[in-house]
Amino acid sequence: DFQDQLDAVVARARAAGVGRLVTISTRVRKLDGLLAITDRFPEVYCSVGTHPHHAHEEFDFTAADLVSHTRHPKVVAIGEAGLDYHYDNSPVEKQEQGLRQHIRAAREAGLPLVIHSREADEHMERVLKDEMGKGTFPAVLHCFTGGRALAMSAINMGLYVSFKIGRAHV
């Protein structure tokens, strides 16, 4: 049962000394489900956003729409948004459109953007540089399968990069 699994995950985190958890949004239209989880556990927070796999389904959300959701005290980030060329789940144009809306929302809300970048290094770098030219925004390359060039470019823009070592997230 999902609730039992959720209870177990939070219990393991507590036992390991984890004080706060962030569950990452993949669809804005399902935000109510994430907020129900954050309401249930005081140490759980969430982001609001649309994963690139679903960009073609939620392309109608504007930066203002995303920012309006950040008024909830448990929403602490924007995304997960980005570019994913590994699967052909959503047209590239819709992914970029969604990514740029999420960047605008992160900039306006002052909240970190959770970026998904898979097999799209050059395109991602171009979008990030272009958007940084319009004004800075906090962000982390959360799902990052790319190479050193994108990582260093992101770091030079003041962004963060997460990566896996074995089974642990760093």
N, C-alpha and C. Protein backbone atom coordinates (compact mmCIF):
# COMPACT_ATOMS: atom_id res chain seq x y z
N ASP A 1 0.84 -1.19 0.00
CA ASP A 1 0.00 0.00 0.00
C ASP A 1 0.89 1.26 0.00
N PHE A 2 0.49 2.25 -0.79
CA PHE A 2 1.29 3.47 -0.95
C PHE A 2 1.52 4.18 0.38
N GLN A 3 0.48 4.30 1.19
CA GLN A 3 0.61 5.01 2.47
C GLN A 3 1.62 4.32 3.38
N ASP A 4 1.61 3.00 3.39
CA ASP A 4 2.58 2.26 4.20
C ASP A 4 4.00 2.48 3.70
N GLN A 5 4.17 2.49 2.38
CA GLN A 5 5.48 2.73 1.81
C GLN A 5 5.96 4.14 2.15
N LEU A 6 5.06 5.09 2.06
CA LEU A 6 5.39 6.48 2.39
C LEU A 6 5.80 6.60 3.85
N ASP A 7 5.03 5.99 4.73
CA ASP A 7 5.36 5.99 6.16
C ASP A 7 6.75 5.40 6.39
N ALA A 8 7.06 4.31 5.68
CA ALA A 8 8.36 3.65 5.85
C ALA A 8 9.51 4.54 5.37
N VAL A 9 9.32 5.22 4.26
CA VAL A 9 10.37 6.11 3.74
C VAL A 9 10.65 7.23 4.74
N VAL A 10 9.60 7.86 5.23
CA VAL A 10 9.79 8.96 6.19
C VAL A 10 10.39 8.44 7.49
N ALA A 11 9.97 7.28 7.93
CA ALA A 11 10.52 6.69 9.16
C ALA A 11 12.01 6.40 9.00
N ARG A 12 12.42 5.86 7.83
CA ARG A 12 13.85 5.60 7.59
C ARG A 12 14.64 6.90 7.56
N ALA A 13 14.08 7.92 6.97
CA ALA A 13 14.76 9.22 6.92
C ALA A 13 14.94 9.77 8.33
N ARG A 14 13.88 9.71 9.12
CA ARG A 14 13.98 10.19 10.51
C ARG A 14 15.05 9.42 11.27
N ALA A 15 15.03 8.08 11.13
CA ALA A 15 16.00 7.24 11.84
C ALA A 15 17.43 7.55 11.42
N ALA A 16 17.61 7.98 10.18
CA ALA A 16 18.94 8.32 9.68
C ALA A 16 19.35 9.75 10.03
N GLY A 17 18.46 10.48 10.71
CA GLY A 17 18.78 11.84 11.12
C GLY A 17 18.46 12.90 10.08
N VAL A 18 17.71 12.53 9.05
CA VAL A 18 17.32 13.51 8.03
C VAL A 18 16.22 14.39 8.61
N GLY A 19 16.44 15.70 8.56
CA GLY A 19 15.50 16.64 9.16
C GLY A 19 14.44 17.17 8.22
N ARG A 20 14.74 17.20 6.93
CA ARG A 20 13.78 17.72 5.94
C ARG A 20 13.89 16.92 4.67
N LEU A 21 12.76 16.71 4.02
CA LEU A 21 12.71 16.02 2.74
C LEU A 21 11.93 16.88 1.76
N VAL A 22 12.32 16.81 0.49
CA VAL A 22 11.59 17.52 -0.56
C VAL A 22 11.16 16.50 -1.59
N THR A 23 9.86 16.41 -1.83
CA THR A 23 9.35 15.55 -2.88
C THR A 23 9.16 16.41 -4.13
N ILE A 24 9.62 15.89 -5.25
CA ILE A 24 9.72 16.67 -6.48
C ILE A 24 8.47 16.47 -7.34
N SER A 25 7.90 17.57 -7.75
CA SER A 25 6.70 17.56 -8.59
C SER A 25 7.06 17.18 -10.02
N THR A 26 6.20 16.38 -10.64
CA THR A 26 6.36 16.05 -12.05
C THR A 26 5.18 16.54 -12.89
N ARG A 27 4.09 16.91 -12.21
CA ARG A 27 2.91 17.44 -12.90
C ARG A 27 2.22 18.45 -12.00
N VAL A 28 2.05 19.65 -12.50
CA VAL A 28 1.38 20.69 -11.72
C VAL A 28 -0.04 20.26 -11.38
N ARG A 29 -0.69 19.60 -12.32
CA ARG A 29 -2.08 19.18 -12.09
C ARG A 29 -2.22 18.16 -10.96
N LYS A 30 -1.12 17.58 -10.52
CA LYS A 30 -1.16 16.61 -9.42
C LYS A 30 -0.58 17.20 -8.13
N LEU A 31 -0.44 18.52 -8.06
CA LEU A 31 0.15 19.16 -6.88
C LEU A 31 -0.64 18.86 -5.62
N ASP A 32 -1.95 18.77 -5.71
CA ASP A 32 -2.76 18.50 -4.52
C ASP A 32 -2.32 17.21 -3.82
N GLY A 33 -1.93 16.20 -4.59
CA GLY A 33 -1.45 14.95 -4.01
C GLY A 33 -0.16 15.15 -3.23
N LEU A 34 0.75 15.96 -3.77
CA LEU A 34 1.99 16.25 -3.05
C LEU A 34 1.72 17.06 -1.80
N LEU A 35 0.82 18.03 -1.91
CA LEU A 35 0.50 18.85 -0.73
C LEU A 35 -0.14 18.02 0.37
N ALA A 36 -0.90 17.00 -0.01
CA ALA A 36 -1.48 16.10 1.00
C ALA A 36 -0.37 15.38 1.77
N ILE A 37 0.69 15.01 1.05
CA ILE A 37 1.83 14.36 1.70
C ILE A 37 2.54 15.35 2.63
N THR A 38 2.74 16.57 2.15
CA THR A 38 3.42 17.57 2.99
C THR A 38 2.60 17.92 4.22
N ASP A 39 1.29 17.89 4.09
CA ASP A 39 0.43 18.16 5.25
C ASP A 39 0.51 17.05 6.28
N ARG A 40 0.76 15.84 5.82
CA ARG A 40 0.79 14.67 6.70
C ARG A 40 2.09 14.59 7.52
N PHE A 41 3.17 15.10 6.92
CA PHE A 41 4.48 14.99 7.57
C PHE A 41 5.09 16.39 7.70
N PRO A 42 5.35 16.85 8.91
CA PRO A 42 5.87 18.21 9.09
C PRO A 42 7.23 18.44 8.44
N GLU A 43 8.04 17.38 8.26
CA GLU A 43 9.37 17.54 7.70
C GLU A 43 9.42 17.39 6.17
N VAL A 44 8.27 17.17 5.54
CA VAL A 44 8.24 16.98 4.10
C VAL A 44 7.72 18.24 3.40
N TYR A 45 8.47 18.68 2.39
CA TYR A 45 8.12 19.84 1.57
C TYR A 45 8.05 19.38 0.12
N CYS A 46 7.69 20.27 -0.80
CA CYS A 46 7.61 19.87 -2.20
C CYS A 46 7.96 21.01 -3.13
N SER A 47 8.15 20.63 -4.39
CA SER A 47 8.31 21.59 -5.47
C SER A 47 7.00 21.62 -6.26
N VAL A 48 6.91 22.55 -7.21
CA VAL A 48 5.77 22.58 -8.13
C VAL A 48 6.32 22.72 -9.54
N GLY A 49 5.93 21.80 -10.41
CA GLY A 49 6.42 21.88 -11.77
C GLY A 49 6.00 20.71 -12.63
N THR A 50 6.46 20.77 -13.87
CA THR A 50 6.12 19.75 -14.87
C THR A 50 7.40 19.15 -15.44
N HIS A 51 7.54 17.85 -15.27
CA HIS A 51 8.66 17.09 -15.82
C HIS A 51 8.63 17.20 -17.34
N PRO A 52 9.80 17.21 -18.01
CA PRO A 52 9.80 17.34 -19.46
C PRO A 52 9.03 16.23 -20.19
N HIS A 53 8.90 15.06 -19.59
CA HIS A 53 8.11 14.00 -20.23
C HIS A 53 6.64 14.41 -20.39
N HIS A 54 6.19 15.34 -19.56
CA HIS A 54 4.78 15.76 -19.57
C HIS A 54 4.60 17.18 -20.08
N ALA A 55 5.66 17.75 -20.65
CA ALA A 55 5.60 19.15 -21.10
C ALA A 55 4.49 19.39 -22.11
N HIS A 56 4.22 18.43 -22.97
CA HIS A 56 3.18 18.58 -23.98
C HIS A 56 1.78 18.54 -23.37
N GLU A 57 1.65 18.01 -22.15
CA GLU A 57 0.36 17.93 -21.47
C GLU A 57 0.09 19.16 -20.61
N GLU A 58 1.15 19.86 -20.19
CA GLU A 58 0.99 20.99 -19.28
C GLU A 58 1.69 22.24 -19.80
N PHE A 59 1.70 22.43 -21.09
CA PHE A 59 2.37 23.59 -21.69
C PHE A 59 1.61 24.88 -21.45
N ASP A 60 0.38 24.77 -20.99
CA ASP A 60 -0.46 25.96 -20.79
C ASP A 60 -0.20 26.66 -19.47
N PHE A 61 0.62 26.09 -18.59
CA PHE A 61 0.93 26.75 -17.32
C PHE A 61 1.95 27.86 -17.56
N THR A 62 1.64 29.04 -17.07
CA THR A 62 2.54 30.19 -17.20
C THR A 62 3.41 30.30 -15.95
N ALA A 63 4.40 31.16 -16.04
CA ALA A 63 5.23 31.44 -14.86
C ALA A 63 4.35 31.96 -13.73
N ALA A 64 3.39 32.81 -14.04
CA ALA A 64 2.50 33.36 -13.01
C ALA A 64 1.69 32.25 -12.34
N ASP A 65 1.25 31.26 -13.13
CA ASP A 65 0.52 30.13 -12.55
C ASP A 65 1.40 29.38 -11.56
N LEU A 66 2.64 29.13 -11.96
CA LEU A 66 3.57 28.41 -11.08
C LEU A 66 3.84 29.21 -9.81
N VAL A 67 4.09 30.50 -9.97
CA VAL A 67 4.37 31.36 -8.81
C VAL A 67 3.19 31.38 -7.86
N SER A 68 1.98 31.36 -8.38
CA SER A 68 0.80 31.39 -7.49
C SER A 68 0.78 30.19 -6.55
N HIS A 69 1.31 29.05 -7.00
CA HIS A 69 1.36 27.86 -6.15
C HIS A 69 2.42 27.97 -5.06
N THR A 70 3.39 28.85 -5.24
CA THR A 70 4.46 28.96 -4.25
C THR A 70 4.01 29.70 -2.99
N ARG A 71 2.80 30.19 -3.00
CA ARG A 71 2.27 30.85 -1.80
C ARG A 71 2.00 29.84 -0.68
N HIS A 72 1.86 28.57 -1.06
CA HIS A 72 1.69 27.53 -0.04
C HIS A 72 3.02 27.39 0.70
N PRO A 73 3.00 27.40 2.02
CA PRO A 73 4.26 27.39 2.78
C PRO A 73 5.11 26.13 2.60
N LYS A 74 4.54 25.05 2.11
CA LYS A 74 5.30 23.82 1.93
C LYS A 74 5.90 23.69 0.53
N VAL A 75 5.61 24.64 -0.36
CA VAL A 75 6.21 24.64 -1.69
C VAL A 75 7.51 25.44 -1.60
N VAL A 76 8.64 24.77 -1.79
CA VAL A 76 9.95 25.39 -1.57
C VAL A 76 10.84 25.43 -2.81
N ALA A 77 10.31 24.97 -3.95
CA ALA A 77 11.10 24.96 -5.18
C ALA A 77 10.17 24.91 -6.39
N ILE A 78 10.74 25.20 -7.55
CA ILE A 78 10.04 25.14 -8.82
C ILE A 78 10.62 23.97 -9.61
N GLY A 79 9.77 23.22 -10.28
CA GLY A 79 10.23 22.11 -11.12
C GLY A 79 9.78 20.78 -10.57
N GLU A 80 10.11 19.81 -11.18
CA GLU A 80 11.24 19.47 -12.02
C GLU A 80 10.89 19.79 -13.47
N ALA A 81 11.69 20.59 -14.10
CA ALA A 81 11.49 20.96 -15.50
C ALA A 81 12.82 20.82 -16.23
N GLY A 82 12.75 20.69 -17.53
CA GLY A 82 14.01 20.61 -18.26
C GLY A 82 13.87 20.04 -19.65
N LEU A 83 14.94 19.36 -20.06
CA LEU A 83 15.03 18.77 -21.39
C LEU A 83 15.46 17.32 -21.27
N ASP A 84 14.75 16.44 -21.96
CA ASP A 84 15.08 15.02 -21.93
C ASP A 84 15.02 14.48 -23.35
N TYR A 85 16.19 14.16 -23.92
CA TYR A 85 16.25 13.62 -25.27
C TYR A 85 16.37 12.10 -25.27
N HIS A 86 16.42 11.48 -24.10
CA HIS A 86 16.56 10.02 -24.03
C HIS A 86 15.29 9.33 -24.51
N TYR A 87 14.16 9.82 -24.04
CA TYR A 87 12.86 9.30 -24.46
C TYR A 87 12.19 10.35 -25.34
N ASP A 88 11.31 9.92 -26.19
CA ASP A 88 10.59 10.83 -27.07
C ASP A 88 9.17 11.05 -26.55
N ASN A 89 9.06 11.42 -25.28
CA ASN A 89 7.74 11.55 -24.65
C ASN A 89 7.07 12.88 -24.92
N SER A 90 7.84 13.90 -25.21
CA SER A 90 7.27 15.23 -25.40
C SER A 90 8.11 15.97 -26.44
N PRO A 91 7.48 16.73 -27.34
CA PRO A 91 8.26 17.47 -28.34
C PRO A 91 9.26 18.42 -27.69
N VAL A 92 10.42 18.53 -28.31
CA VAL A 92 11.49 19.38 -27.80
C VAL A 92 11.01 20.81 -27.60
N GLU A 93 10.21 21.31 -28.52
CA GLU A 93 9.71 22.70 -28.43
C GLU A 93 8.89 22.90 -27.16
N LYS A 94 8.06 21.91 -26.83
CA LYS A 94 7.23 22.02 -25.62
C LYS A 94 8.11 21.92 -24.37
N GLN A 95 9.13 21.07 -24.42
CA GLN A 95 10.05 20.96 -23.28
C GLN A 95 10.74 22.29 -23.04
N GLU A 96 11.25 22.92 -24.10
CA GLU A 96 11.94 24.20 -23.94
C GLU A 96 10.97 25.28 -23.47
N GLN A 97 9.78 25.30 -24.03
CA GLN A 97 8.77 26.28 -23.60
C GLN A 97 8.49 26.12 -22.11
N GLY A 98 8.30 24.89 -21.67
CA GLY A 98 8.05 24.64 -20.25
C GLY A 98 9.22 25.02 -19.38
N LEU A 99 10.43 24.67 -19.82
CA LEU A 99 11.63 25.01 -19.06
C LEU A 99 11.74 26.51 -18.88
N ARG A 100 11.53 27.27 -19.92
CA ARG A 100 11.63 28.73 -19.83
C ARG A 100 10.55 29.31 -18.92
N GLN A 101 9.35 28.76 -18.92
CA GLN A 101 8.31 29.22 -18.00
C GLN A 101 8.73 28.95 -16.55
N HIS A 102 9.30 27.76 -16.32
CA HIS A 102 9.75 27.40 -14.98
C HIS A 102 10.91 28.31 -14.52
N ILE A 103 11.81 28.64 -15.44
CA ILE A 103 12.91 29.55 -15.10
C ILE A 103 12.35 30.91 -14.70
N ARG A 104 11.41 31.42 -15.47
CA ARG A 104 10.80 32.71 -15.13
C ARG A 104 10.15 32.65 -13.74
N ALA A 105 9.47 31.55 -13.47
CA ALA A 105 8.82 31.39 -12.16
C ALA A 105 9.86 31.35 -11.04
N ALA A 106 10.95 30.62 -11.24
CA ALA A 106 12.00 30.55 -10.23
C ALA A 106 12.59 31.93 -9.98
N ARG A 107 12.82 32.66 -11.06
CA ARG A 107 13.37 34.01 -10.94
C ARG A 107 12.40 34.90 -10.17
N GLU A 108 11.13 34.85 -10.53
CA GLU A 108 10.14 35.71 -9.89
C GLU A 108 9.89 35.33 -8.43
N ALA A 109 9.82 34.04 -8.15
CA ALA A 109 9.54 33.59 -6.78
C ALA A 109 10.78 33.60 -5.90
N GLY A 110 11.96 33.61 -6.52
CA GLY A 110 13.19 33.53 -5.74
C GLY A 110 13.43 32.15 -5.16
N LEU A 111 12.79 31.15 -5.73
CA LEU A 111 12.95 29.77 -5.27
C LEU A 111 13.83 29.01 -6.24
N PRO A 112 14.53 27.99 -5.75
CA PRO A 112 15.40 27.22 -6.64
C PRO A 112 14.60 26.43 -7.68
N LEU A 113 15.17 26.36 -8.86
CA LEU A 113 14.62 25.56 -9.95
C LEU A 113 15.28 24.19 -9.92
N VAL A 114 14.47 23.14 -9.97
CA VAL A 114 14.96 21.77 -10.03
C VAL A 114 14.97 21.39 -11.51
N ILE A 115 16.19 21.22 -12.06
CA ILE A 115 16.35 21.01 -13.50
C ILE A 115 16.61 19.54 -13.82
N HIS A 116 15.89 19.06 -14.83
CA HIS A 116 16.09 17.72 -15.39
C HIS A 116 16.81 17.90 -16.72
N SER A 117 17.97 17.30 -16.86
CA SER A 117 18.73 17.40 -18.11
C SER A 117 19.27 16.02 -18.46
N ARG A 118 18.73 15.44 -19.51
CA ARG A 118 19.17 14.11 -19.92
C ARG A 118 19.44 14.10 -21.42
N GLU A 119 20.70 13.88 -21.75
CA GLU A 119 21.16 13.80 -23.13
C GLU A 119 20.79 15.04 -23.94
N ALA A 120 20.87 16.21 -23.29
CA ALA A 120 20.51 17.48 -23.93
C ALA A 120 21.49 18.58 -23.53
N ASP A 121 22.74 18.23 -23.32
CA ASP A 121 23.73 19.16 -22.76
C ASP A 121 23.82 20.49 -23.50
N GLU A 122 24.05 20.44 -24.81
CA GLU A 122 24.27 21.68 -25.55
C GLU A 122 23.03 22.57 -25.54
N HIS A 123 21.87 21.97 -25.74
CA HIS A 123 20.62 22.73 -25.73
C HIS A 123 20.38 23.32 -24.34
N MET A 124 20.59 22.52 -23.30
CA MET A 124 20.39 23.00 -21.93
C MET A 124 21.32 24.18 -21.64
N GLU A 125 22.57 24.05 -22.01
CA GLU A 125 23.53 25.13 -21.76
C GLU A 125 23.09 26.42 -22.47
N ARG A 126 22.65 26.31 -23.72
CA ARG A 126 22.18 27.49 -24.45
C ARG A 126 21.00 28.16 -23.75
N VAL A 127 20.03 27.36 -23.31
CA VAL A 127 18.86 27.92 -22.63
C VAL A 127 19.27 28.58 -21.32
N LEU A 128 20.09 27.91 -20.53
CA LEU A 128 20.51 28.48 -19.25
C LEU A 128 21.27 29.78 -19.43
N LYS A 129 22.20 29.82 -20.38
CA LYS A 129 22.96 31.05 -20.62
C LYS A 129 22.04 32.17 -21.10
N ASP A 130 21.13 31.84 -21.99
CA ASP A 130 20.19 32.85 -22.48
C ASP A 130 19.34 33.40 -21.34
N GLU A 131 18.81 32.52 -20.52
CA GLU A 131 17.95 32.94 -19.42
C GLU A 131 18.72 33.68 -18.34
N MET A 132 19.97 33.27 -18.07
CA MET A 132 20.78 33.99 -17.09
C MET A 132 21.04 35.41 -17.55
N GLY A 133 21.10 35.61 -18.87
CA GLY A 133 21.28 36.95 -19.42
C GLY A 133 20.08 37.85 -19.15
N LYS A 134 18.95 37.26 -18.83
CA LYS A 134 17.73 38.02 -18.53
C LYS A 134 17.58 38.28 -17.03
N GLY A 135 18.43 37.64 -16.24
CA GLY A 135 18.37 37.78 -14.79
C GLY A 135 18.67 36.46 -14.12
N THR A 136 19.39 36.51 -13.02
CA THR A 136 19.81 35.28 -12.35
C THR A 136 18.63 34.58 -11.69
N PHE A 137 18.83 33.31 -11.42
CA PHE A 137 17.85 32.49 -10.71
C PHE A 137 18.60 31.33 -10.06
N PRO A 138 18.16 30.90 -8.91
CA PRO A 138 18.81 29.76 -8.25
C PRO A 138 18.34 28.46 -8.90
N ALA A 139 19.24 27.49 -9.02
CA ALA A 139 18.86 26.22 -9.64
C ALA A 139 19.85 25.12 -9.29
N VAL A 140 19.37 23.88 -9.44
CA VAL A 140 20.21 22.70 -9.30
C VAL A 140 19.91 21.78 -10.48
N LEU A 141 20.98 21.29 -11.12
CA LEU A 141 20.83 20.23 -12.11
C LEU A 141 20.59 18.96 -11.31
N HIS A 142 19.34 18.62 -11.16
CA HIS A 142 18.90 17.55 -10.26
C HIS A 142 19.06 16.18 -10.92
N CYS A 143 18.47 16.01 -12.08
CA CYS A 143 18.68 14.80 -12.87
C CYS A 143 19.70 15.18 -13.91
N PHE A 144 20.91 14.77 -13.70
CA PHE A 144 22.01 15.22 -14.54
C PHE A 144 22.79 14.01 -15.03
N THR A 145 22.68 13.72 -16.33
CA THR A 145 23.42 12.60 -16.91
C THR A 145 24.50 13.11 -17.85
N GLY A 146 24.71 14.41 -17.83
CA GLY A 146 25.59 15.05 -18.81
C GLY A 146 27.05 14.99 -18.47
N GLY A 147 27.77 15.74 -19.24
CA GLY A 147 29.22 15.74 -19.13
C GLY A 147 29.76 16.92 -18.36
N ARG A 148 31.08 16.94 -18.30
CA ARG A 148 31.81 17.96 -17.56
C ARG A 148 31.51 19.37 -18.05
N ALA A 149 31.38 19.54 -19.37
CA ALA A 149 31.18 20.89 -19.92
C ALA A 149 29.92 21.53 -19.37
N LEU A 150 28.81 20.80 -19.37
CA LEU A 150 27.57 21.37 -18.84
C LEU A 150 27.69 21.59 -17.34
N ALA A 151 28.28 20.65 -16.63
CA ALA A 151 28.44 20.80 -15.18
C ALA A 151 29.25 22.06 -14.85
N MET A 152 30.36 22.25 -15.53
CA MET A 152 31.21 23.41 -15.26
C MET A 152 30.52 24.71 -15.67
N SER A 153 29.80 24.67 -16.77
CA SER A 153 29.06 25.86 -17.20
C SER A 153 28.01 26.23 -16.16
N ALA A 154 27.28 25.23 -15.66
CA ALA A 154 26.27 25.49 -14.64
C ALA A 154 26.91 26.05 -13.37
N ILE A 155 28.00 25.46 -12.94
CA ILE A 155 28.70 25.93 -11.75
C ILE A 155 29.18 27.37 -11.95
N ASN A 156 29.71 27.66 -13.12
CA ASN A 156 30.16 29.02 -13.42
C ASN A 156 29.02 30.03 -13.43
N MET A 157 27.80 29.56 -13.68
CA MET A 157 26.62 30.44 -13.63
C MET A 157 26.08 30.56 -12.21
N GLY A 158 26.71 29.86 -11.25
CA GLY A 158 26.26 29.92 -9.86
C GLY A 158 25.21 28.87 -9.51
N LEU A 159 25.04 27.87 -10.38
CA LEU A 159 24.06 26.82 -10.13
C LEU A 159 24.72 25.65 -9.41
N TYR A 160 23.92 24.73 -8.94
CA TYR A 160 24.40 23.53 -8.26
C TYR A 160 24.19 22.33 -9.17
N VAL A 161 24.95 21.27 -8.93
CA VAL A 161 24.84 20.04 -9.70
C VAL A 161 24.76 18.88 -8.72
N SER A 162 23.77 18.01 -8.90
CA SER A 162 23.71 16.80 -8.08
C SER A 162 24.10 15.62 -8.97
N PHE A 163 24.61 14.58 -8.34
CA PHE A 163 25.00 13.40 -9.10
C PHE A 163 24.97 12.22 -8.16
N LYS A 164 24.99 11.05 -8.74
CA LYS A 164 24.96 9.81 -7.96
C LYS A 164 26.34 9.20 -7.87
N ILE A 165 26.63 8.66 -6.71
CA ILE A 165 27.81 7.83 -6.52
C ILE A 165 27.25 6.51 -6.02
N GLY A 166 27.33 5.51 -6.85
CA GLY A 166 26.73 4.23 -6.47
C GLY A 166 25.24 4.41 -6.34
N ARG A 167 24.72 4.11 -5.16
CA ARG A 167 23.28 4.23 -4.94
C ARG A 167 22.89 5.48 -4.17
N ALA A 168 23.85 6.21 -3.69
CA ALA A 168 23.54 7.40 -2.85
C ALA A 168 23.53 8.65 -3.68
N HIS A 169 22.58 9.54 -3.43
CA HIS A 169 22.58 10.85 -4.05
C HIS A 169 23.52 11.76 -3.26
N VAL A 170 24.23 12.59 -3.95
CA VAL A 170 25.13 13.54 -3.30
C VAL A 170 24.59 14.93 -3.53
